[in-house]
Amino acid sequence: MKAIEFSDTENMELLMEIVNLKAKLRGMYTQTGPNSSKYITLSIKLNLLMNKYFEEKAGNIISPEEIYELQCN
């Protein structure tokens, strides 16, 4: 298994957006609870951003060919 250089592979802009959104959601949860439409919208956005981050990380670790093989099996 190869070593990963975190400083070269991390998408810091995406990570900061995720961290800021999580903090905003935490504050909204305590103020309005999880039933507000804005909270739900931001939760969906956070989920999409985290999926994007994980896909990027997987792409750095596993080649597209290996991902395709995993999906086929």
C-alpha atoms as a PDB file:
ATOM      1  CA  MET A   1       0.000   0.000   0.000  1.00  0.00           C
ATOM      2  CA  LYS A   2       1.390   3.390  -0.888  1.00  0.00           C
ATOM      3  CA  ALA A   3       1.754   6.282   1.549  1.00  0.00           C
ATOM      4  CA  ILE A   4      -0.441   9.344   1.007  1.00  0.00           C
ATOM      5  CA  GLU A   5       0.856  12.902   1.227  1.00  0.00           C
ATOM      6  CA  PHE A   6      -1.996  14.671   2.976  1.00  0.00           C
ATOM      7  CA  SER A   7      -0.794  18.185   2.256  1.00  0.00           C
ATOM      8  CA  ASP A   8      -0.876  17.509  -1.494  1.00  0.00           C
ATOM      9  CA  THR A   9      -4.126  15.588  -1.663  1.00  0.00           C
ATOM     10  CA  GLU A  10      -6.411  17.456   0.736  1.00  0.00           C
ATOM     11  CA  ASN A  11      -8.973  19.779  -0.777  1.00  0.00           C
ATOM     12  CA  MET A  12      -8.728  22.422   1.950  1.00  0.00           C
ATOM     13  CA  GLU A  13     -11.416  24.626   0.411  1.00  0.00           C
ATOM     14  CA  LEU A  14     -13.903  21.769   0.480  1.00  0.00           C
ATOM     15  CA  LEU A  15     -12.887  20.762   4.007  1.00  0.00           C
ATOM     16  CA  MET A  16     -13.343  24.323   5.278  1.00  0.00           C
ATOM     17  CA  GLU A  17     -16.758  24.534   3.627  1.00  0.00           C
ATOM     18  CA  ILE A  18     -17.762  21.289   5.348  1.00  0.00           C
ATOM     19  CA  VAL A  19     -16.491  22.487   8.744  1.00  0.00           C
ATOM     20  CA  ASN A  20     -18.243  25.854   8.426  1.00  0.00           C
ATOM     21  CA  LEU A  21     -21.490  24.247   7.313  1.00  0.00           C
ATOM     22  CA  LYS A  22     -21.400  21.777  10.211  1.00  0.00           C
ATOM     23  CA  ALA A  23     -20.917  24.656  12.660  1.00  0.00           C
ATOM     24  CA  LYS A  24     -23.788  26.582  11.085  1.00  0.00           C
ATOM     25  CA  LEU A  25     -26.041  23.523  11.275  1.00  0.00           C
ATOM     26  CA  ARG A  26     -25.151  22.963  14.927  1.00  0.00           C
ATOM     27  CA  GLY A  27     -26.166  26.538  15.717  1.00  0.00           C
ATOM     28  CA  MET A  28     -29.384  26.275  13.719  1.00  0.00           C
ATOM     29  CA  TYR A  29     -30.276  23.000  15.435  1.00  0.00           C
ATOM     30  CA  THR A  30     -30.119  24.595  18.869  1.00  0.00           C
ATOM     31  CA  GLN A  31     -32.125  27.641  17.705  1.00  0.00           C
ATOM     32  CA  THR A  32     -34.823  26.169  15.471  1.00  0.00           C
ATOM     33  CA  GLY A  33     -34.457  22.408  15.642  1.00  0.00           C
ATOM     34  CA  PRO A  34     -34.200  20.046  12.684  1.00  0.00           C
ATOM     35  CA  ASN A  35     -37.646  20.813  11.242  1.00  0.00           C
ATOM     36  CA  SER A  36     -36.932  24.134   9.532  1.00  0.00           C
ATOM     37  CA  SER A  37     -36.652  24.142   5.758  1.00  0.00           C
ATOM     38  CA  LYS A  38     -33.328  25.999   5.897  1.00  0.00           C
ATOM     39  CA  TYR A  39     -31.869  23.378   8.242  1.00  0.00           C
ATOM     40  CA  ILE A  40     -32.998  20.562   5.956  1.00  0.00           C
ATOM     41  CA  THR A  41     -31.571  22.322   2.883  1.00  0.00           C
ATOM     42  CA  LEU A  42     -28.207  22.858   4.581  1.00  0.00           C
ATOM     43  CA  SER A  43     -28.184  19.241   5.801  1.00  0.00           C
ATOM     44  CA  ILE A  44     -28.643  18.037   2.237  1.00  0.00           C
ATOM     45  CA  LYS A  45     -25.871  20.374   1.055  1.00  0.00           C
ATOM     46  CA  LEU A  46     -23.558  19.052   3.789  1.00  0.00           C
ATOM     47  CA  ASN A  47     -24.315  15.476   2.762  1.00  0.00           C
ATOM     48  CA  LEU A  48     -23.478  16.272  -0.869  1.00  0.00           C
ATOM     49  CA  LEU A  49     -20.229  18.019   0.090  1.00  0.00           C
ATOM     50  CA  MET A  50     -19.156  15.113   2.280  1.00  0.00           C
ATOM     51  CA  ASN A  51     -19.918  12.644  -0.522  1.00  0.00           C
ATOM     52  CA  LYS A  52     -17.840  14.787  -2.885  1.00  0.00           C
ATOM     53  CA  TYR A  53     -14.973  14.812  -0.385  1.00  0.00           C
ATOM     54  CA  PHE A  54     -15.080  11.014   0.067  1.00  0.00           C
ATOM     55  CA  GLU A  55     -15.198  10.462  -3.689  1.00  0.00           C
ATOM     56  CA  GLU A  56     -12.122  12.671  -4.114  1.00  0.00           C
ATOM     57  CA  LYS A  57     -10.305  10.778  -1.357  1.00  0.00           C
ATOM     58  CA  ALA A  58     -11.207   7.435  -2.893  1.00  0.00           C
ATOM     59  CA  GLY A  59     -10.022   8.714  -6.269  1.00  0.00           C
ATOM     60  CA  ASN A  60      -6.649   9.574  -4.731  1.00  0.00           C
ATOM     61  CA  ILE A  61      -6.294   6.137  -3.177  1.00  0.00           C
ATOM     62  CA  ILE A  62      -7.889   3.851  -5.770  1.00  0.00           C
ATOM     63  CA  SER A  63      -7.541   4.159  -9.530  1.00  0.00           C
ATOM     64  CA  PRO A  64     -10.723   4.581 -11.625  1.00  0.00           C
ATOM     65  CA  GLU A  65     -10.174   1.103 -13.076  1.00  0.00           C
ATOM     66  CA  GLU A  66     -10.121  -0.434  -9.589  1.00  0.00           C
ATOM     67  CA  ILE A  67     -13.297   1.457  -8.637  1.00  0.00           C
ATOM     68  CA  TYR A  68     -15.007   0.115 -11.752  1.00  0.00           C
ATOM     69  CA  GLU A  69     -13.931  -3.433 -10.878  1.00  0.00           C
ATOM     70  CA  LEU A  70     -15.272  -3.038  -7.342  1.00  0.00           C
ATOM     71  CA  GLN A  71     -18.618  -1.802  -8.659  1.00  0.00           C
ATOM     72  CA  CYS A  72     -18.916  -4.713 -11.094  1.00  0.00           C
ATOM     73  CA  ASN A  73     -18.245  -7.388  -8.470  1.00  0.00           C
END
